[in-house]
């Protein structure tokens, strides 16, 4: 079990758990709640969002892993319309009124990494969902590393290049941005990336100055 491996390395963790697949854990948490042993915290921010935290420390992970104790955090966010979104996590960090918000933000940041990294690689023109076969000399691994390298370069441009950001905003998606780049590369030689971006802006009548 990967939690054992994590703790054996001396690391801390915040992991998402689904109530349907962790029924024993949910039952323990509900039992603690019935006995008044679940701590709660309610907050409201300047944007009108309501935040509800409920937590309990030192629960058994599951019937098949009774030697693993975890701390359980439930978080609900209610927007101005009254719509509620719910998350649940386990962690080996001690939960308390001063720590639950930090743990929540850590847990949600993992979704941000998933969405902005892996989903981007799969759905925004990098074709990471394809392995292209293993090849004679580990071709799939080489191509995967090249995809990560391209992604890293694009992240640097996204952070540091004003032209890149303006073109991305104007075109709407990275997939469309990549398609336009490929079309121009296939037909015209450019002396610099700036020249390429300026030509793209001209083609789409986008203001980048």
N, C-alpha and C. Protein backbone atom coordinates (compact mmCIF):
# COMPACT_ATOMS: atom_id res chain seq x y z
N UNK A 1 0.85 -1.19 0.00
CA UNK A 1 0.00 0.00 0.00
C UNK A 1 0.89 1.24 0.00
N UNK A 2 0.53 2.23 -0.86
CA UNK A 2 1.42 3.37 -1.04
C UNK A 2 1.50 4.25 0.20
N UNK A 3 0.47 4.25 1.07
CA UNK A 3 0.56 5.05 2.29
C UNK A 3 1.68 4.52 3.18
N UNK A 4 1.85 3.20 3.24
CA UNK A 4 2.95 2.63 4.01
C UNK A 4 4.29 3.08 3.45
N UNK A 5 4.40 3.09 2.12
CA UNK A 5 5.64 3.52 1.50
C UNK A 5 5.92 4.99 1.80
N UNK A 6 4.87 5.81 1.77
CA UNK A 6 5.05 7.24 2.05
C UNK A 6 5.54 7.45 3.48
N UNK A 7 4.89 6.79 4.42
CA UNK A 7 5.25 6.99 5.83
C UNK A 7 6.62 6.38 6.15
N UNK A 8 6.96 5.29 5.48
CA UNK A 8 8.28 4.70 5.69
C UNK A 8 9.40 5.64 5.24
N UNK A 9 9.10 6.49 4.28
CA UNK A 9 10.07 7.48 3.81
C UNK A 9 10.09 8.72 4.71
N UNK A 10 9.17 8.77 5.67
CA UNK A 10 9.12 9.91 6.57
C UNK A 10 8.44 11.13 5.98
N UNK A 11 7.60 10.91 4.95
CA UNK A 11 6.94 12.02 4.28
C UNK A 11 5.55 12.28 4.87
N UNK A 12 5.08 13.50 4.71
CA UNK A 12 3.69 13.84 5.03
C UNK A 12 2.85 13.69 3.76
N UNK A 13 1.55 13.51 3.92
CA UNK A 13 0.68 13.34 2.76
C UNK A 13 -0.69 13.94 3.02
N UNK A 14 -1.34 14.34 1.93
CA UNK A 14 -2.75 14.72 1.92
C UNK A 14 -3.34 14.05 0.68
N UNK A 15 -4.21 13.06 0.90
CA UNK A 15 -4.73 12.25 -0.19
C UNK A 15 -6.25 12.34 -0.25
N UNK A 16 -6.76 12.46 -1.45
CA UNK A 16 -8.21 12.47 -1.64
C UNK A 16 -8.78 11.08 -1.39
N UNK A 17 -9.94 11.02 -0.73
CA UNK A 17 -10.62 9.74 -0.53
C UNK A 17 -12.07 9.88 -0.97
N UNK A 18 -12.58 8.84 -1.60
CA UNK A 18 -13.98 8.81 -2.02
C UNK A 18 -14.79 8.03 -0.99
N UNK A 19 -15.83 8.65 -0.44
CA UNK A 19 -16.63 7.97 0.59
C UNK A 19 -17.15 6.60 0.16
N UNK A 20 -17.55 6.46 -1.10
CA UNK A 20 -18.11 5.18 -1.56
C UNK A 20 -17.09 4.06 -1.53
N UNK A 21 -15.82 4.38 -1.68
CA UNK A 21 -14.78 3.34 -1.70
C UNK A 21 -14.08 3.21 -0.35
N UNK A 22 -14.49 4.00 0.62
CA UNK A 22 -13.89 3.93 1.97
C UNK A 22 -15.03 3.93 3.00
N UNK A 23 -15.90 2.93 2.89
CA UNK A 23 -17.10 2.88 3.73
C UNK A 23 -16.78 2.71 5.20
N UNK A 24 -15.75 1.93 5.51
CA UNK A 24 -15.37 1.74 6.91
C UNK A 24 -14.91 3.05 7.53
N UNK A 25 -14.14 3.81 6.78
CA UNK A 25 -13.67 5.10 7.25
C UNK A 25 -14.84 6.06 7.46
N UNK A 26 -15.76 6.08 6.50
CA UNK A 26 -16.94 6.94 6.63
C UNK A 26 -17.78 6.55 7.84
N UNK A 27 -17.89 5.25 8.08
CA UNK A 27 -18.67 4.78 9.23
C UNK A 27 -18.03 5.23 10.54
N UNK A 28 -16.71 5.14 10.61
CA UNK A 28 -16.02 5.61 11.82
C UNK A 28 -16.23 7.10 12.03
N UNK A 29 -16.14 7.86 10.95
CA UNK A 29 -16.30 9.30 11.04
C UNK A 29 -17.72 9.66 11.49
N UNK A 30 -18.71 8.96 10.92
CA UNK A 30 -20.10 9.20 11.31
C UNK A 30 -20.31 8.85 12.78
N UNK A 31 -19.68 7.75 13.22
CA UNK A 31 -19.79 7.36 14.61
C UNK A 31 -19.19 8.40 15.55
N UNK A 32 -18.05 8.95 15.16
CA UNK A 32 -17.45 10.02 15.96
C UNK A 32 -18.39 11.22 16.04
N UNK A 33 -19.06 11.50 14.90
CA UNK A 33 -19.98 12.63 14.88
C UNK A 33 -21.16 12.43 15.81
N UNK A 34 -21.70 11.20 15.84
CA UNK A 34 -22.82 10.90 16.73
C UNK A 34 -22.44 11.05 18.20
N UNK A 35 -21.16 10.82 18.50
CA UNK A 35 -20.70 10.93 19.89
C UNK A 35 -20.15 12.32 20.22
N UNK A 36 -20.30 13.24 19.26
CA UNK A 36 -19.83 14.60 19.49
C UNK A 36 -18.33 14.75 19.46
N UNK A 37 -17.65 13.84 18.77
CA UNK A 37 -16.19 13.84 18.75
C UNK A 37 -15.61 14.39 17.44
N UNK A 38 -16.47 14.93 16.58
CA UNK A 38 -16.01 15.55 15.33
C UNK A 38 -15.96 17.06 15.54
N UNK A 39 -14.80 17.65 15.26
CA UNK A 39 -14.64 19.09 15.39
C UNK A 39 -15.14 19.78 14.13
N UNK A 40 -15.65 21.00 14.27
CA UNK A 40 -16.19 21.73 13.14
C UNK A 40 -15.71 23.18 13.15
N UNK A 41 -15.67 23.76 11.95
CA UNK A 41 -15.30 25.16 11.79
C UNK A 41 -16.05 25.72 10.60
N UNK A 42 -16.67 26.88 10.77
CA UNK A 42 -17.41 27.54 9.68
C UNK A 42 -16.82 28.93 9.47
N UNK A 43 -16.58 29.27 8.19
CA UNK A 43 -16.03 30.56 7.82
C UNK A 43 -16.78 31.12 6.62
N UNK A 44 -16.74 32.44 6.47
CA UNK A 44 -17.29 33.09 5.29
C UNK A 44 -16.30 34.12 4.81
N UNK A 45 -15.94 34.09 3.50
CA UNK A 45 -14.91 34.99 3.01
C UNK A 45 -15.51 36.24 2.37
N UNK A 46 -14.62 37.10 1.88
CA UNK A 46 -15.05 38.37 1.31
C UNK A 46 -15.83 38.21 0.01
N UNK A 47 -15.68 37.06 -0.66
CA UNK A 47 -16.40 36.80 -1.91
C UNK A 47 -17.78 36.20 -1.66
N UNK A 48 -18.14 36.02 -0.40
CA UNK A 48 -19.45 35.47 -0.08
C UNK A 48 -19.50 33.96 -0.06
N UNK A 49 -18.34 33.29 -0.18
CA UNK A 49 -18.30 31.84 -0.13
C UNK A 49 -18.30 31.37 1.33
N UNK A 50 -19.07 30.35 1.61
CA UNK A 50 -19.12 29.77 2.95
C UNK A 50 -18.27 28.50 2.98
N UNK A 51 -17.46 28.37 4.01
CA UNK A 51 -16.54 27.24 4.13
C UNK A 51 -16.87 26.47 5.41
N UNK A 52 -17.07 25.17 5.22
CA UNK A 52 -17.37 24.31 6.38
C UNK A 52 -16.33 23.21 6.47
N UNK A 53 -15.71 23.07 7.64
CA UNK A 53 -14.71 22.04 7.89
C UNK A 53 -15.21 21.14 9.01
N UNK A 54 -15.03 19.85 8.83
CA UNK A 54 -15.31 18.89 9.90
C UNK A 54 -14.18 17.86 9.87
N UNK A 55 -13.65 17.52 11.04
CA UNK A 55 -12.48 16.63 11.04
C UNK A 55 -12.42 15.78 12.30
N UNK A 56 -11.68 14.69 12.15
CA UNK A 56 -11.41 13.79 13.28
C UNK A 56 -10.02 13.19 13.07
N UNK A 57 -9.27 13.10 14.14
CA UNK A 57 -7.92 12.53 14.08
C UNK A 57 -7.93 11.07 14.53
N UNK A 58 -6.95 10.33 14.06
CA UNK A 58 -6.69 8.96 14.53
C UNK A 58 -7.83 7.99 14.23
N UNK A 59 -8.16 7.87 12.94
CA UNK A 59 -9.14 6.88 12.49
C UNK A 59 -8.40 5.75 11.78
N UNK A 60 -9.00 4.58 11.77
CA UNK A 60 -8.44 3.42 11.06
C UNK A 60 -8.76 3.55 9.58
N UNK A 61 -7.78 3.38 8.74
CA UNK A 61 -7.98 3.58 7.30
C UNK A 61 -9.05 2.65 6.74
N UNK A 62 -8.98 1.35 7.05
CA UNK A 62 -9.94 0.39 6.52
C UNK A 62 -9.85 -0.91 7.32
N UNK A 63 -10.83 -1.79 7.09
CA UNK A 63 -10.83 -3.08 7.77
C UNK A 63 -9.64 -3.94 7.36
N UNK A 64 -9.12 -3.69 6.16
CA UNK A 64 -7.99 -4.48 5.67
C UNK A 64 -6.65 -3.83 5.99
N UNK A 65 -6.68 -2.67 6.62
CA UNK A 65 -5.44 -1.98 6.98
C UNK A 65 -5.62 -1.36 8.36
N UNK A 66 -5.87 -2.20 9.33
CA UNK A 66 -6.17 -1.71 10.68
C UNK A 66 -4.94 -1.12 11.37
N UNK A 67 -3.77 -1.36 10.81
CA UNK A 67 -2.54 -0.82 11.41
C UNK A 67 -2.25 0.60 10.94
N UNK A 68 -3.03 1.10 9.98
CA UNK A 68 -2.79 2.44 9.45
C UNK A 68 -3.83 3.41 10.00
N UNK A 69 -3.38 4.37 10.77
CA UNK A 69 -4.27 5.40 11.30
C UNK A 69 -4.12 6.69 10.49
N UNK A 70 -5.22 7.33 10.24
CA UNK A 70 -5.22 8.55 9.43
C UNK A 70 -6.09 9.61 10.10
N UNK A 71 -5.88 10.84 9.68
CA UNK A 71 -6.72 11.95 10.11
C UNK A 71 -7.62 12.33 8.94
N UNK A 72 -8.89 12.53 9.21
CA UNK A 72 -9.91 12.67 8.16
C UNK A 72 -10.47 14.09 8.16
N UNK A 73 -10.52 14.69 6.97
CA UNK A 73 -11.04 16.05 6.82
C UNK A 73 -12.15 16.09 5.78
N UNK A 74 -13.28 16.63 6.17
CA UNK A 74 -14.40 16.91 5.28
C UNK A 74 -14.49 18.41 5.08
N UNK A 75 -14.61 18.82 3.81
CA UNK A 75 -14.71 20.25 3.51
C UNK A 75 -15.85 20.48 2.53
N UNK A 76 -16.71 21.46 2.84
CA UNK A 76 -17.81 21.84 1.95
C UNK A 76 -17.73 23.33 1.67
N UNK A 77 -17.89 23.67 0.40
CA UNK A 77 -17.89 25.07 -0.02
C UNK A 77 -19.27 25.40 -0.60
N UNK A 78 -19.88 26.44 -0.07
CA UNK A 78 -21.21 26.87 -0.53
C UNK A 78 -21.09 28.22 -1.21
N UNK A 79 -21.53 28.31 -2.47
CA UNK A 79 -21.42 29.59 -3.18
C UNK A 79 -22.64 30.47 -2.92
N UNK A 80 -22.68 31.61 -3.57
CA UNK A 80 -23.75 32.57 -3.33
C UNK A 80 -25.12 32.04 -3.74
N UNK A 81 -25.14 31.08 -4.68
CA UNK A 81 -26.40 30.50 -5.13
C UNK A 81 -26.88 29.38 -4.22
N UNK A 82 -26.06 29.01 -3.26
CA UNK A 82 -26.42 27.93 -2.36
C UNK A 82 -25.96 26.56 -2.82
N UNK A 83 -25.20 26.53 -3.94
CA UNK A 83 -24.69 25.24 -4.43
C UNK A 83 -23.51 24.80 -3.56
N UNK A 84 -23.52 23.52 -3.17
CA UNK A 84 -22.52 22.98 -2.27
C UNK A 84 -21.60 22.01 -3.00
N UNK A 85 -20.30 22.18 -2.84
CA UNK A 85 -19.30 21.25 -3.38
C UNK A 85 -18.56 20.63 -2.20
N UNK A 86 -18.35 19.32 -2.28
CA UNK A 86 -17.83 18.58 -1.13
C UNK A 86 -16.53 17.87 -1.50
N UNK A 87 -15.55 17.93 -0.59
CA UNK A 87 -14.29 17.20 -0.75
C UNK A 87 -13.97 16.47 0.55
N UNK A 88 -13.25 15.36 0.46
CA UNK A 88 -12.79 14.65 1.65
C UNK A 88 -11.35 14.19 1.42
N UNK A 89 -10.54 14.31 2.48
CA UNK A 89 -9.14 13.91 2.39
C UNK A 89 -8.73 13.14 3.64
N UNK A 90 -7.65 12.38 3.52
CA UNK A 90 -6.96 11.81 4.67
C UNK A 90 -5.54 12.35 4.69
N UNK A 91 -4.98 12.44 5.87
CA UNK A 91 -3.63 12.98 6.01
C UNK A 91 -2.99 12.45 7.28
N UNK A 92 -1.67 12.52 7.34
CA UNK A 92 -0.99 12.20 8.59
C UNK A 92 -0.61 13.47 9.35
N UNK A 93 -1.03 14.62 8.83
CA UNK A 93 -0.85 15.89 9.53
C UNK A 93 -1.96 16.04 10.57
N UNK A 94 -1.60 16.49 11.75
CA UNK A 94 -2.59 16.65 12.81
C UNK A 94 -3.56 17.77 12.44
N UNK A 95 -4.85 17.46 12.50
CA UNK A 95 -5.88 18.44 12.12
C UNK A 95 -6.36 19.22 13.33
N UNK A 96 -6.51 20.51 13.14
CA UNK A 96 -7.02 21.39 14.18
C UNK A 96 -7.55 22.66 13.54
N UNK A 97 -8.14 23.53 14.32
CA UNK A 97 -8.75 24.75 13.79
C UNK A 97 -7.74 25.62 13.03
N UNK A 98 -6.47 25.55 13.42
CA UNK A 98 -5.45 26.37 12.78
C UNK A 98 -4.83 25.72 11.54
N UNK A 99 -5.11 24.44 11.32
CA UNK A 99 -4.45 23.74 10.22
C UNK A 99 -5.39 23.27 9.12
N UNK A 100 -6.70 23.17 9.39
CA UNK A 100 -7.60 22.54 8.40
C UNK A 100 -7.66 23.32 7.09
N UNK A 101 -7.58 24.65 7.14
CA UNK A 101 -7.64 25.41 5.90
C UNK A 101 -6.40 25.16 5.04
N UNK A 102 -5.23 25.09 5.68
CA UNK A 102 -4.00 24.80 4.93
C UNK A 102 -4.04 23.42 4.31
N UNK A 103 -4.55 22.44 5.06
CA UNK A 103 -4.66 21.08 4.53
C UNK A 103 -5.64 21.05 3.37
N UNK A 104 -6.76 21.77 3.50
CA UNK A 104 -7.74 21.83 2.42
C UNK A 104 -7.12 22.39 1.15
N UNK A 105 -6.38 23.49 1.28
CA UNK A 105 -5.78 24.12 0.10
C UNK A 105 -4.70 23.22 -0.51
N UNK A 106 -4.01 22.47 0.33
CA UNK A 106 -3.05 21.50 -0.18
C UNK A 106 -3.76 20.42 -0.98
N UNK A 107 -4.86 19.90 -0.43
CA UNK A 107 -5.62 18.87 -1.13
C UNK A 107 -6.18 19.36 -2.45
N UNK A 108 -6.69 20.56 -2.47
CA UNK A 108 -7.26 21.09 -3.71
C UNK A 108 -6.17 21.42 -4.73
N UNK A 109 -4.98 21.75 -4.27
CA UNK A 109 -3.90 22.05 -5.21
C UNK A 109 -3.50 20.81 -6.00
N UNK A 110 -3.72 19.61 -5.42
CA UNK A 110 -3.42 18.39 -6.16
C UNK A 110 -4.33 18.27 -7.37
N UNK A 111 -5.60 18.71 -7.23
CA UNK A 111 -6.51 18.72 -8.38
C UNK A 111 -6.01 19.72 -9.42
N UNK A 112 -5.50 20.84 -8.96
CA UNK A 112 -4.99 21.86 -9.88
C UNK A 112 -3.83 21.30 -10.70
N UNK A 113 -2.95 20.55 -10.03
CA UNK A 113 -1.84 19.92 -10.75
C UNK A 113 -2.36 18.93 -11.78
N UNK A 114 -3.33 18.11 -11.37
CA UNK A 114 -3.92 17.13 -12.28
C UNK A 114 -4.55 17.82 -13.48
N UNK A 115 -5.31 18.88 -13.23
CA UNK A 115 -6.04 19.54 -14.29
C UNK A 115 -5.11 20.31 -15.23
N UNK A 116 -4.16 21.04 -14.65
CA UNK A 116 -3.34 21.92 -15.47
C UNK A 116 -2.11 21.24 -16.06
N UNK A 117 -1.79 20.05 -15.58
CA UNK A 117 -0.64 19.34 -16.14
C UNK A 117 -1.09 18.15 -16.98
N UNK A 118 -1.64 17.12 -16.34
CA UNK A 118 -1.94 15.89 -17.06
C UNK A 118 -3.08 16.05 -18.06
N UNK A 119 -4.14 16.77 -17.69
CA UNK A 119 -5.22 16.99 -18.64
C UNK A 119 -4.76 17.84 -19.81
N UNK A 120 -3.88 18.80 -19.54
CA UNK A 120 -3.33 19.61 -20.62
C UNK A 120 -2.51 18.75 -21.56
N UNK A 121 -1.68 17.86 -21.01
CA UNK A 121 -0.86 16.99 -21.86
C UNK A 121 -1.73 16.06 -22.70
N UNK A 122 -2.89 15.67 -22.18
CA UNK A 122 -3.75 14.74 -22.91
C UNK A 122 -4.67 15.44 -23.91
N UNK A 123 -5.10 16.66 -23.58
CA UNK A 123 -6.20 17.26 -24.34
C UNK A 123 -5.86 18.56 -25.06
N UNK A 124 -4.65 19.09 -24.87
CA UNK A 124 -4.32 20.38 -25.46
C UNK A 124 -3.22 20.29 -26.52
N UNK A 125 -3.19 19.18 -27.23
CA UNK A 125 -2.31 19.10 -28.39
C UNK A 125 -0.99 18.39 -28.19
N UNK A 126 -0.70 17.90 -26.98
CA UNK A 126 0.57 17.19 -26.74
C UNK A 126 0.46 15.69 -27.04
N UNK A 127 -0.76 15.16 -27.10
CA UNK A 127 -1.01 13.75 -27.43
C UNK A 127 -0.38 12.78 -26.43
N UNK A 128 -0.39 13.15 -25.16
CA UNK A 128 0.23 12.29 -24.15
C UNK A 128 -0.55 10.99 -23.94
N UNK A 129 -1.79 10.94 -24.43
CA UNK A 129 -2.57 9.71 -24.26
C UNK A 129 -2.09 8.60 -25.19
N UNK A 130 -1.25 8.93 -26.18
CA UNK A 130 -0.73 7.93 -27.11
C UNK A 130 0.67 7.48 -26.67
N UNK A 131 0.93 6.18 -26.76
CA UNK A 131 2.28 5.73 -26.42
C UNK A 131 3.13 5.43 -27.65
N UNK A 132 2.52 5.37 -28.85
CA UNK A 132 3.24 5.18 -30.11
C UNK A 132 4.05 3.89 -30.16
N UNK A 133 3.75 2.94 -29.30
CA UNK A 133 4.52 1.70 -29.28
C UNK A 133 5.84 1.89 -28.57
N UNK A 134 6.39 0.82 -28.08
CA UNK A 134 7.63 0.93 -27.31
C UNK A 134 8.87 1.08 -28.18
N UNK A 135 8.79 0.62 -29.42
CA UNK A 135 9.94 0.77 -30.29
C UNK A 135 11.10 -0.14 -29.88
N UNK A 136 12.15 -0.12 -30.70
CA UNK A 136 13.32 -0.95 -30.43
C UNK A 136 14.13 -0.39 -29.26
N UNK A 137 14.26 0.92 -29.20
CA UNK A 137 15.06 1.57 -28.16
C UNK A 137 14.17 2.42 -27.25
N UNK A 138 13.13 1.81 -26.68
CA UNK A 138 12.24 2.52 -25.74
C UNK A 138 11.69 3.80 -26.33
N UNK A 139 11.12 3.69 -27.53
CA UNK A 139 10.62 4.86 -28.24
C UNK A 139 9.56 5.61 -27.45
N UNK A 140 8.65 4.87 -26.81
CA UNK A 140 7.57 5.53 -26.06
C UNK A 140 8.14 6.42 -24.96
N UNK A 141 9.17 5.95 -24.27
CA UNK A 141 9.78 6.74 -23.21
C UNK A 141 10.44 7.99 -23.77
N UNK A 142 11.12 7.85 -24.90
CA UNK A 142 11.77 9.01 -25.53
C UNK A 142 10.74 10.04 -25.92
N UNK A 143 9.63 9.60 -26.54
CA UNK A 143 8.60 10.53 -26.96
C UNK A 143 7.93 11.19 -25.76
N UNK A 144 7.71 10.42 -24.70
CA UNK A 144 7.12 10.99 -23.49
C UNK A 144 8.02 12.09 -22.93
N UNK A 145 9.32 11.85 -22.89
CA UNK A 145 10.26 12.85 -22.38
C UNK A 145 10.27 14.09 -23.27
N UNK A 146 10.16 13.89 -24.58
CA UNK A 146 10.10 15.04 -25.49
C UNK A 146 8.83 15.85 -25.25
N UNK A 147 7.71 15.16 -24.95
CA UNK A 147 6.46 15.86 -24.64
C UNK A 147 6.62 16.70 -23.39
N UNK A 148 7.26 16.12 -22.36
CA UNK A 148 7.47 16.87 -21.12
C UNK A 148 8.39 18.06 -21.36
N UNK A 149 9.40 17.88 -22.21
CA UNK A 149 10.31 18.98 -22.53
C UNK A 149 9.55 20.10 -23.23
N UNK A 150 8.71 19.74 -24.20
CA UNK A 150 7.90 20.75 -24.90
C UNK A 150 6.97 21.46 -23.93
N UNK A 151 6.37 20.69 -23.04
CA UNK A 151 5.46 21.27 -22.04
C UNK A 151 6.20 22.24 -21.13
N UNK A 152 7.42 21.88 -20.73
CA UNK A 152 8.23 22.75 -19.88
C UNK A 152 8.55 24.07 -20.58
N UNK A 153 8.94 23.98 -21.86
CA UNK A 153 9.23 25.19 -22.63
C UNK A 153 7.98 26.07 -22.73
N UNK A 154 6.84 25.43 -22.97
CA UNK A 154 5.60 26.19 -23.08
C UNK A 154 5.22 26.84 -21.75
N UNK A 155 5.49 26.14 -20.64
CA UNK A 155 5.22 26.73 -19.33
C UNK A 155 6.10 27.95 -19.08
N UNK A 156 7.34 27.88 -19.52
CA UNK A 156 8.24 29.04 -19.39
C UNK A 156 7.72 30.21 -20.22
N UNK A 157 7.27 29.91 -21.44
CA UNK A 157 6.71 30.97 -22.28
C UNK A 157 5.44 31.54 -21.67
N UNK A 158 4.61 30.67 -21.13
CA UNK A 158 3.36 31.11 -20.51
C UNK A 158 3.64 32.06 -19.35
N UNK A 159 4.74 31.79 -18.65
CA UNK A 159 5.10 32.61 -17.50
C UNK A 159 5.82 33.89 -17.90
N UNK A 160 6.67 33.81 -18.94
CA UNK A 160 7.61 34.90 -19.21
C UNK A 160 7.37 35.66 -20.51
N UNK A 161 6.62 35.08 -21.45
CA UNK A 161 6.47 35.70 -22.78
C UNK A 161 5.10 36.37 -22.92
N UNK A 162 5.13 37.69 -23.04
CA UNK A 162 3.87 38.44 -23.15
C UNK A 162 3.12 38.09 -24.44
N UNK A 163 3.86 37.93 -25.54
CA UNK A 163 3.22 37.61 -26.81
C UNK A 163 2.48 36.27 -26.74
N UNK A 164 3.13 35.29 -26.11
CA UNK A 164 2.51 33.97 -25.97
C UNK A 164 1.19 34.07 -25.21
N UNK A 165 1.21 34.79 -24.09
CA UNK A 165 0.00 34.91 -23.26
C UNK A 165 -1.13 35.60 -24.01
N UNK A 166 -0.78 36.66 -24.75
CA UNK A 166 -1.82 37.40 -25.47
C UNK A 166 -2.42 36.57 -26.61
N UNK A 167 -1.56 35.81 -27.31
CA UNK A 167 -2.07 34.95 -28.38
C UNK A 167 -2.95 33.84 -27.82
N UNK A 168 -2.52 33.23 -26.72
CA UNK A 168 -3.30 32.17 -26.07
C UNK A 168 -4.67 32.70 -25.65
N UNK A 169 -4.67 33.88 -25.05
CA UNK A 169 -5.94 34.48 -24.63
C UNK A 169 -6.83 34.78 -25.83
N UNK A 170 -6.21 35.30 -26.90
CA UNK A 170 -6.99 35.65 -28.08
C UNK A 170 -7.56 34.45 -28.81
N UNK A 171 -6.79 33.36 -28.87
CA UNK A 171 -7.23 32.16 -29.58
C UNK A 171 -8.10 31.26 -28.71
N UNK A 172 -8.00 31.37 -27.40
CA UNK A 172 -8.92 30.65 -26.51
C UNK A 172 -8.39 29.35 -25.94
N UNK A 173 -7.72 28.54 -26.75
CA UNK A 173 -7.21 27.25 -26.27
C UNK A 173 -5.78 27.03 -26.77
N UNK A 174 -5.04 26.23 -26.02
CA UNK A 174 -3.69 25.89 -26.46
C UNK A 174 -3.72 25.03 -27.71
N UNK A 175 -4.73 24.18 -27.82
CA UNK A 175 -4.83 23.31 -29.00
C UNK A 175 -4.90 24.15 -30.28
N UNK A 176 -5.67 25.23 -30.25
CA UNK A 176 -5.77 26.10 -31.43
C UNK A 176 -4.46 26.85 -31.65
N UNK A 177 -3.82 27.23 -30.55
CA UNK A 177 -2.52 27.90 -30.65
C UNK A 177 -1.49 27.00 -31.31
N UNK A 178 -1.44 25.72 -30.88
CA UNK A 178 -0.47 24.78 -31.46
C UNK A 178 -0.77 24.53 -32.94
N UNK A 179 -2.04 24.40 -33.28
CA UNK A 179 -2.41 24.15 -34.68
C UNK A 179 -1.95 25.31 -35.57
N UNK A 180 -2.11 26.51 -35.09
CA UNK A 180 -1.69 27.68 -35.86
C UNK A 180 -0.17 27.73 -36.00
N UNK A 181 0.51 27.40 -34.91
CA UNK A 181 1.98 27.36 -34.97
C UNK A 181 2.47 26.35 -36.00
N UNK A 182 1.88 25.16 -35.97
CA UNK A 182 2.30 24.12 -36.91
C UNK A 182 2.06 24.54 -38.36
N UNK A 183 0.91 25.15 -38.63
CA UNK A 183 0.60 25.57 -40.00
C UNK A 183 1.61 26.59 -40.51
N UNK A 184 1.99 27.53 -39.66
CA UNK A 184 2.97 28.54 -40.09
C UNK A 184 4.36 27.95 -40.24
N UNK A 185 4.74 27.03 -39.34
CA UNK A 185 6.05 26.38 -39.45
C UNK A 185 6.17 25.61 -40.75
N UNK A 186 5.07 25.05 -41.22
CA UNK A 186 5.09 24.24 -42.44
C UNK A 186 5.21 25.06 -43.71
N UNK A 187 4.98 26.36 -43.61
CA UNK A 187 4.94 27.17 -44.85
C UNK A 187 5.93 28.32 -44.88
N UNK A 188 6.37 28.82 -43.72
CA UNK A 188 7.19 30.03 -43.68
C UNK A 188 8.37 29.83 -42.73
N UNK A 189 9.51 30.41 -43.09
CA UNK A 189 10.68 30.39 -42.22
C UNK A 189 10.72 31.70 -41.42
N UNK A 190 10.83 31.58 -40.10
CA UNK A 190 10.86 32.76 -39.23
C UNK A 190 12.23 32.86 -38.55
N UNK A 191 12.71 34.08 -38.38
CA UNK A 191 13.99 34.30 -37.73
C UNK A 191 13.93 34.20 -36.21
N UNK A 192 12.73 34.35 -35.65
CA UNK A 192 12.59 34.32 -34.20
C UNK A 192 11.16 33.93 -33.83
N UNK A 193 10.97 33.51 -32.57
CA UNK A 193 9.63 33.21 -32.09
C UNK A 193 8.76 34.46 -32.06
N UNK A 194 9.39 35.61 -31.78
CA UNK A 194 8.61 36.85 -31.77
C UNK A 194 8.04 37.14 -33.15
N UNK A 195 8.84 36.90 -34.18
CA UNK A 195 8.35 37.12 -35.55
C UNK A 195 7.19 36.18 -35.86
N UNK A 196 7.31 34.94 -35.39
CA UNK A 196 6.24 33.96 -35.58
C UNK A 196 4.96 34.42 -34.87
N UNK A 197 5.10 34.85 -33.62
CA UNK A 197 3.93 35.29 -32.87
C UNK A 197 3.29 36.53 -33.49
N UNK A 198 4.11 37.43 -33.99
CA UNK A 198 3.55 38.62 -34.63
C UNK A 198 2.76 38.26 -35.89
N UNK A 199 3.25 37.27 -36.64
CA UNK A 199 2.54 36.84 -37.84
C UNK A 199 1.21 36.20 -37.46
N UNK A 200 1.21 35.39 -36.41
CA UNK A 200 -0.03 34.77 -35.94
C UNK A 200 -1.03 35.83 -35.52
N UNK A 201 -0.55 36.83 -34.79
CA UNK A 201 -1.45 37.91 -34.36
C UNK A 201 -2.05 38.64 -35.55
N UNK A 202 -1.22 38.86 -36.58
CA UNK A 202 -1.71 39.53 -37.79
C UNK A 202 -2.77 38.68 -38.49
N UNK A 203 -2.52 37.35 -38.57
CA UNK A 203 -3.48 36.46 -39.24
C UNK A 203 -4.83 36.48 -38.57
N UNK A 204 -4.83 36.54 -37.25
CA UNK A 204 -6.08 36.48 -36.49
C UNK A 204 -6.57 37.88 -36.05
N UNK A 205 -5.85 38.91 -36.53
CA UNK A 205 -6.23 40.30 -36.21
C UNK A 205 -6.32 40.49 -34.69
N UNK A 206 -5.28 40.01 -34.01
CA UNK A 206 -5.20 40.16 -32.56
C UNK A 206 -4.21 41.27 -32.22
N UNK A 207 -4.56 42.10 -31.26
CA UNK A 207 -3.71 43.19 -30.82
C UNK A 207 -2.77 42.69 -29.74
N UNK A 208 -1.46 42.69 -30.00
CA UNK A 208 -0.50 42.19 -29.00
C UNK A 208 0.47 43.28 -28.56
N UNK A 209 0.29 44.51 -29.01
CA UNK A 209 1.16 45.62 -28.61
C UNK A 209 0.47 46.45 -27.53
